[in-house]
Amino acid sequence: MDKKAKLAWLHEKWLRDCACALRETAIQGVPGDGSAEAQVVFIGEAPGAKEDREGRPFVGSAGKFLDEMLADIKLKREDIYITNIVKYRPPNNRDPLPAEIVACAKWLEDEIKLIDPALIVFLGRHAMNHFFPAEKISVAHGKVIIAEKFEKIRRFLPLYHPAAALYNGSLREVLKTDFKKIPEILKTICTI
């Protein structure tokens, strides 16, 4: 079985077996989407209303902004993989509760281990704090964090969430500047 087939199997398994309480209020689970061979995995917080309806991550206005930034660095959705720490929409787009994050954590771990990306990009503080609870997004954004996670040394890049940049104009340029670091970071990683 190739990686793409393994990823499809993994999502089928977790859509069936995930014990997250949000299943009760969400329309459907929203597994990660993109290339099983991706060098970059983007991790957001949780699906929103549009994602819940369509069953794909980052398809709303934040997703459109993400697509624009990907195009600026010559990448497409098909080149990357995008997922969330929680796979079901929290009611009224509230922050996911710790128990909900824990319930989806193994699913996220399985995605990362299977894809084995060179770089993991956090979209927002919730995604970053799941892995690095002591970090502050206002300090860590745009800086690579190197840490052992998922059985190997990995590189992480925290960024502001695209939705935050849409609602706060001052973050928009910061996010775009930080985002443009991705190709250089990848080039550095791939030559190590």
C-alpha atoms as a PDB file:
ATOM      1  CA  MET A   1       0.000   0.000   0.000  1.00  0.00           C
ATOM      2  CA  ASP A   2       1.456   3.411  -0.966  1.00  0.00           C
ATOM      3  CA  LYS A   3       1.370   6.460   1.315  1.00  0.00           C
ATOM      4  CA  LYS A   4      -1.736   7.914  -0.339  1.00  0.00           C
ATOM      5  CA  ALA A   5      -3.677   4.674   0.211  1.00  0.00           C
ATOM      6  CA  LYS A   6      -2.362   4.404   3.791  1.00  0.00           C
ATOM      7  CA  LEU A   7      -3.504   7.973   4.474  1.00  0.00           C
ATOM      8  CA  ALA A   8      -6.987   7.246   3.080  1.00  0.00           C
ATOM      9  CA  TRP A   9      -7.158   4.125   5.268  1.00  0.00           C
ATOM     10  CA  LEU A  10      -5.997   6.105   8.299  1.00  0.00           C
ATOM     11  CA  HIS A  11      -8.775   8.693   7.808  1.00  0.00           C
ATOM     12  CA  GLU A  12     -11.415   5.987   7.361  1.00  0.00           C
ATOM     13  CA  LYS A  13     -10.235   4.341  10.581  1.00  0.00           C
ATOM     14  CA  TRP A  14     -10.280   7.559  12.612  1.00  0.00           C
ATOM     15  CA  LEU A  15     -13.568   8.825  11.169  1.00  0.00           C
ATOM     16  CA  ARG A  16     -15.025   5.577  12.487  1.00  0.00           C
ATOM     17  CA  ASP A  17     -13.066   5.298  15.770  1.00  0.00           C
ATOM     18  CA  CYS A  18     -12.370   8.847  17.031  1.00  0.00           C
ATOM     19  CA  ALA A  19     -13.958   9.339  20.462  1.00  0.00           C
ATOM     20  CA  CYS A  20     -14.139  13.144  20.284  1.00  0.00           C
ATOM     21  CA  ALA A  21     -17.335  14.490  21.898  1.00  0.00           C
ATOM     22  CA  LEU A  22     -17.581  17.086  19.111  1.00  0.00           C
ATOM     23  CA  ARG A  23     -18.845  14.297  16.828  1.00  0.00           C
ATOM     24  CA  GLU A  24     -22.235  14.803  18.491  1.00  0.00           C
ATOM     25  CA  THR A  25     -22.612  18.415  17.309  1.00  0.00           C
ATOM     26  CA  ALA A  26     -20.590  18.500  14.073  1.00  0.00           C
ATOM     27  CA  ILE A  27     -22.009  17.617  10.664  1.00  0.00           C
ATOM     28  CA  GLN A  28     -18.994  15.456   9.882  1.00  0.00           C
ATOM     29  CA  GLY A  29     -15.336  14.851  10.634  1.00  0.00           C
ATOM     30  CA  VAL A  30     -12.827  16.921   8.691  1.00  0.00           C
ATOM     31  CA  PRO A  31      -9.681  14.875   8.059  1.00  0.00           C
ATOM     32  CA  GLY A  32      -6.500  16.430   6.764  1.00  0.00           C
ATOM     33  CA  ASP A  33      -6.204  17.110   3.050  1.00  0.00           C
ATOM     34  CA  GLY A  34      -3.377  17.261   0.533  1.00  0.00           C
ATOM     35  CA  SER A  35      -0.350  15.300  -0.522  1.00  0.00           C
ATOM     36  CA  ALA A  36       0.718  12.222   1.422  1.00  0.00           C
ATOM     37  CA  GLU A  37       4.234  13.053   0.155  1.00  0.00           C
ATOM     38  CA  ALA A  38       4.171  16.682   1.353  1.00  0.00           C
ATOM     39  CA  GLN A  39       7.357  18.279   2.651  1.00  0.00           C
ATOM     40  CA  VAL A  40       5.237  20.780   4.609  1.00  0.00           C
ATOM     41  CA  VAL A  41       2.306  20.022   6.912  1.00  0.00           C
ATOM     42  CA  PHE A  42       0.162  22.937   8.078  1.00  0.00           C
ATOM     43  CA  ILE A  43      -1.759  22.471  11.322  1.00  0.00           C
ATOM     44  CA  GLY A  44      -4.674  24.701  12.273  1.00  0.00           C
ATOM     45  CA  GLU A  45      -6.995  24.675  15.251  1.00  0.00           C
ATOM     46  CA  ALA A  46     -10.365  23.214  14.229  1.00  0.00           C
ATOM     47  CA  PRO A  47     -12.806  23.173  11.322  1.00  0.00           C
ATOM     48  CA  GLY A  48     -15.179  26.116  10.951  1.00  0.00           C
ATOM     49  CA  ALA A  49     -18.748  26.071   9.629  1.00  0.00           C
ATOM     50  CA  LYS A  50     -17.807  25.865   5.947  1.00  0.00           C
ATOM     51  CA  GLU A  51     -15.226  23.149   6.612  1.00  0.00           C
ATOM     52  CA  ASP A  52     -17.824  21.196   8.601  1.00  0.00           C
ATOM     53  CA  ARG A  53     -20.255  21.383   5.663  1.00  0.00           C
ATOM     54  CA  GLU A  54     -17.687  20.496   2.980  1.00  0.00           C
ATOM     55  CA  GLY A  55     -15.566  18.008   4.950  1.00  0.00           C
ATOM     56  CA  ARG A  56     -12.266  19.679   3.962  1.00  0.00           C
ATOM     57  CA  PRO A  57      -9.960  21.907   6.049  1.00  0.00           C
ATOM     58  CA  PHE A  58      -9.375  25.584   5.289  1.00  0.00           C
ATOM     59  CA  VAL A  59     -12.008  26.155   2.583  1.00  0.00           C
ATOM     60  CA  GLY A  60     -13.464  29.376   4.040  1.00  0.00           C
ATOM     61  CA  SER A  61     -12.057  32.912   3.920  1.00  0.00           C
ATOM     62  CA  ALA A  62      -8.971  31.936   5.975  1.00  0.00           C
ATOM     63  CA  GLY A  63      -8.367  29.110   3.487  1.00  0.00           C
ATOM     64  CA  LYS A  64      -8.580  31.501   0.538  1.00  0.00           C
ATOM     65  CA  PHE A  65      -5.991  33.743   2.202  1.00  0.00           C
ATOM     66  CA  LEU A  66      -3.822  30.679   2.831  1.00  0.00           C
ATOM     67  CA  ASP A  67      -4.109  29.755  -0.865  1.00  0.00           C
ATOM     68  CA  GLU A  68      -2.958  33.279  -1.823  1.00  0.00           C
ATOM     69  CA  MET A  69       0.083  32.993   0.439  1.00  0.00           C
ATOM     70  CA  LEU A  70       0.890  29.537  -0.946  1.00  0.00           C
ATOM     71  CA  ALA A  71       0.757  30.969  -4.477  1.00  0.00           C
ATOM     72  CA  ASP A  72       3.160  33.743  -3.389  1.00  0.00           C
ATOM     73  CA  ILE A  73       5.758  31.073  -2.545  1.00  0.00           C
ATOM     74  CA  LYS A  74       4.974  28.980  -5.659  1.00  0.00           C
ATOM     75  CA  LEU A  75       3.073  26.210  -3.856  1.00  0.00           C
ATOM     76  CA  LYS A  76      -0.431  24.815  -4.349  1.00  0.00           C
ATOM     77  CA  ARG A  77      -2.756  22.890  -2.065  1.00  0.00           C
ATOM     78  CA  GLU A  78      -1.761  19.709  -3.883  1.00  0.00           C
ATOM     79  CA  ASP A  79       1.879  20.278  -2.831  1.00  0.00           C
ATOM     80  CA  ILE A  80       1.209  20.506   0.893  1.00  0.00           C
ATOM     81  CA  TYR A  81      -0.864  18.784   3.556  1.00  0.00           C
ATOM     82  CA  ILE A  82      -3.209  20.675   5.843  1.00  0.00           C
ATOM     83  CA  THR A  83      -4.979  19.450   8.946  1.00  0.00           C
ATOM     84  CA  ASN A  84      -6.215  20.586  12.368  1.00  0.00           C
ATOM     85  CA  ILE A  85      -5.548  19.590  15.968  1.00  0.00           C
ATOM     86  CA  VAL A  86      -9.296  18.859  16.310  1.00  0.00           C
ATOM     87  CA  LYS A  87     -11.120  17.141  13.443  1.00  0.00           C
ATOM     88  CA  TYR A  88     -14.676  18.235  14.327  1.00  0.00           C
ATOM     89  CA  ARG A  89     -16.149  21.731  14.483  1.00  0.00           C
ATOM     90  CA  PRO A  90     -16.645  23.087  18.007  1.00  0.00           C
ATOM     91  CA  PRO A  91     -20.123  24.657  18.441  1.00  0.00           C
ATOM     92  CA  ASN A  92     -20.216  28.366  17.556  1.00  0.00           C
ATOM     93  CA  ASN A  93     -16.526  28.148  16.577  1.00  0.00           C
ATOM     94  CA  ARG A  94     -15.476  28.178  20.230  1.00  0.00           C
ATOM     95  CA  ASP A  95     -11.947  27.104  21.145  1.00  0.00           C
ATOM     96  CA  PRO A  96     -11.566  23.317  21.422  1.00  0.00           C
ATOM     97  CA  LEU A  97     -11.578  22.016  24.977  1.00  0.00           C
ATOM     98  CA  PRO A  98      -8.532  20.102  26.280  1.00  0.00           C
ATOM     99  CA  ALA A  99     -10.461  16.797  26.280  1.00  0.00           C
ATOM    100  CA  GLU A 100     -11.465  17.333  22.627  1.00  0.00           C
ATOM    101  CA  ILE A 101      -7.858  18.004  21.663  1.00  0.00           C
ATOM    102  CA  VAL A 102      -6.724  14.865  23.500  1.00  0.00           C
ATOM    103  CA  ALA A 103      -9.447  12.810  21.764  1.00  0.00           C
ATOM    104  CA  CYS A 104      -8.107  13.820  18.325  1.00  0.00           C
ATOM    105  CA  ALA A 105      -4.383  13.818  19.221  1.00  0.00           C
ATOM    106  CA  LYS A 106      -3.599  10.264  18.083  1.00  0.00           C
ATOM    107  CA  TRP A 107      -5.244  10.930  14.700  1.00  0.00           C
ATOM    108  CA  LEU A 108      -3.010  13.986  14.214  1.00  0.00           C
ATOM    109  CA  GLU A 109       0.040  12.031  15.372  1.00  0.00           C
ATOM    110  CA  ASP A 110      -0.721   9.254  12.879  1.00  0.00           C
ATOM    111  CA  GLU A 111      -1.018  11.802  10.043  1.00  0.00           C
ATOM    112  CA  ILE A 112       2.340  13.383  10.890  1.00  0.00           C
ATOM    113  CA  LYS A 113       4.166  10.072  11.302  1.00  0.00           C
ATOM    114  CA  LEU A 114       2.830   8.769   7.988  1.00  0.00           C
ATOM    115  CA  ILE A 115       3.575  11.904   5.956  1.00  0.00           C
ATOM    116  CA  ASP A 116       6.868  12.578   7.791  1.00  0.00           C
ATOM    117  CA  PRO A 117       7.241  16.190   6.599  1.00  0.00           C
ATOM    118  CA  ALA A 118      10.445  18.206   6.637  1.00  0.00           C
ATOM    119  CA  LEU A 119       8.589  21.166   8.202  1.00  0.00           C
ATOM    120  CA  ILE A 120       5.448  21.481  10.327  1.00  0.00           C
ATOM    121  CA  VAL A 121       3.812  24.912  10.221  1.00  0.00           C
ATOM    122  CA  PHE A 122       1.462  25.912  13.026  1.00  0.00           C
ATOM    123  CA  LEU A 123      -1.360  28.188  11.953  1.00  0.00           C
ATOM    124  CA  GLY A 124      -2.163  30.033  15.151  1.00  0.00           C
ATOM    125  CA  ARG A 125      -1.466  29.794  18.837  1.00  0.00           C
ATOM    126  CA  HIS A 126      -3.804  26.877  19.542  1.00  0.00           C
ATOM    127  CA  ALA A 127      -1.944  24.572  17.182  1.00  0.00           C
ATOM    128  CA  MET A 128       1.423  25.763  18.508  1.00  0.00           C
ATOM    129  CA  ASN A 129       0.398  25.491  22.167  1.00  0.00           C
ATOM    130  CA  HIS A 130      -0.767  21.910  21.673  1.00  0.00           C
ATOM    131  CA  PHE A 131       2.890  21.026  21.054  1.00  0.00           C
ATOM    132  CA  PHE A 132       4.645  23.862  22.893  1.00  0.00           C
ATOM    133  CA  PRO A 133       2.386  25.098  25.726  1.00  0.00           C
ATOM    134  CA  ALA A 134       4.884  27.586  27.127  1.00  0.00           C
ATOM    135  CA  GLU A 135       5.412  29.472  23.836  1.00  0.00           C
ATOM    136  CA  LYS A 136       3.662  32.737  23.002  1.00  0.00           C
ATOM    137  CA  ILE A 137       2.705  33.240  19.350  1.00  0.00           C
ATOM    138  CA  SER A 138       3.606  36.950  19.570  1.00  0.00           C
ATOM    139  CA  VAL A 139       7.211  35.929  20.362  1.00  0.00           C
ATOM    140  CA  ALA A 140       7.567  32.621  18.476  1.00  0.00           C
ATOM    141  CA  HIS A 141       5.959  33.529  15.128  1.00  0.00           C
ATOM    142  CA  GLY A 142       8.291  33.257  12.165  1.00  0.00           C
ATOM    143  CA  LYS A 143      11.012  31.439  14.138  1.00  0.00           C
ATOM    144  CA  VAL A 144      11.880  27.775  13.647  1.00  0.00           C
ATOM    145  CA  ILE A 145      11.566  25.565  16.707  1.00  0.00           C
ATOM    146  CA  ILE A 146      13.573  22.331  16.644  1.00  0.00           C
ATOM    147  CA  ALA A 147      12.356  19.613  18.975  1.00  0.00           C
ATOM    148  CA  GLU A 148      11.978  15.873  19.234  1.00  0.00           C
ATOM    149  CA  LYS A 149       8.353  14.987  18.515  1.00  0.00           C
ATOM    150  CA  PHE A 150       6.819  11.881  16.991  1.00  0.00           C
ATOM    151  CA  GLU A 151       9.958   9.797  17.424  1.00  0.00           C
ATOM    152  CA  LYS A 152      12.419  12.119  15.671  1.00  0.00           C
ATOM    153  CA  ILE A 153      13.886  15.617  15.605  1.00  0.00           C
ATOM    154  CA  ARG A 154      11.466  17.870  13.718  1.00  0.00           C
ATOM    155  CA  ARG A 155      11.297  21.486  12.657  1.00  0.00           C
ATOM    156  CA  PHE A 156       8.273  23.623  13.450  1.00  0.00           C
ATOM    157  CA  LEU A 157       7.353  27.108  12.262  1.00  0.00           C
ATOM    158  CA  PRO A 158       4.677  28.958  14.256  1.00  0.00           C
ATOM    159  CA  LEU A 159       2.675  31.535  12.302  1.00  0.00           C
ATOM    160  CA  TYR A 160      -0.317  33.687  13.082  1.00  0.00           C
ATOM    161  CA  HIS A 161      -3.577  32.099  11.961  1.00  0.00           C
ATOM    162  CA  PRO A 162      -4.843  33.395   8.588  1.00  0.00           C
ATOM    163  CA  ALA A 163      -8.235  34.199  10.178  1.00  0.00           C
ATOM    164  CA  ALA A 164      -6.528  36.418  12.786  1.00  0.00           C
ATOM    165  CA  ALA A 165      -4.758  38.273   9.980  1.00  0.00           C
ATOM    166  CA  LEU A 166      -8.069  38.786   8.173  1.00  0.00           C
ATOM    167  CA  TYR A 167      -9.592  40.439  11.246  1.00  0.00           C
ATOM    168  CA  ASN A 168      -6.482  42.315  12.358  1.00  0.00           C
ATOM    169  CA  GLY A 169      -4.866  44.193   9.495  1.00  0.00           C
ATOM    170  CA  SER A 170      -1.585  44.734  11.379  1.00  0.00           C
ATOM    171  CA  LEU A 171      -1.040  40.949  11.512  1.00  0.00           C
ATOM    172  CA  ARG A 172      -1.650  40.508   7.770  1.00  0.00           C
ATOM    173  CA  GLU A 173       1.755  41.810   6.657  1.00  0.00           C
ATOM    174  CA  VAL A 174       3.529  40.048   9.530  1.00  0.00           C
ATOM    175  CA  LEU A 175       1.953  36.744   8.489  1.00  0.00           C
ATOM    176  CA  LYS A 176       2.790  37.270   4.803  1.00  0.00           C
ATOM    177  CA  THR A 177       6.416  38.107   5.691  1.00  0.00           C
ATOM    178  CA  ASP A 178       6.734  35.057   7.964  1.00  0.00           C
ATOM    179  CA  PHE A 179       5.076  32.837   5.347  1.00  0.00           C
ATOM    180  CA  LYS A 180       7.659  33.850   2.738  1.00  0.00           C
ATOM    181  CA  LYS A 181      10.364  32.271   4.951  1.00  0.00           C
ATOM    182  CA  ILE A 182       9.027  28.771   4.213  1.00  0.00           C
ATOM    183  CA  PRO A 183      10.964  28.127   0.946  1.00  0.00           C
ATOM    184  CA  GLU A 184      14.258  29.216   2.510  1.00  0.00           C
ATOM    185  CA  ILE A 185      13.639  27.102   5.610  1.00  0.00           C
ATOM    186  CA  LEU A 186      12.860  24.091   3.401  1.00  0.00           C
ATOM    187  CA  LYS A 187      15.997  24.667   1.358  1.00  0.00           C
ATOM    188  CA  THR A 188      18.075  24.746   4.562  1.00  0.00           C
ATOM    189  CA  ILE A 189      16.422  21.600   5.973  1.00  0.00           C
ATOM    190  CA  CYS A 190      16.810  19.644   2.747  1.00  0.00           C
ATOM    191  CA  THR A 191      20.545  20.380   2.563  1.00  0.00           C
ATOM    192  CA  ILE A 192      21.265  19.279   6.148  1.00  0.00           C
END
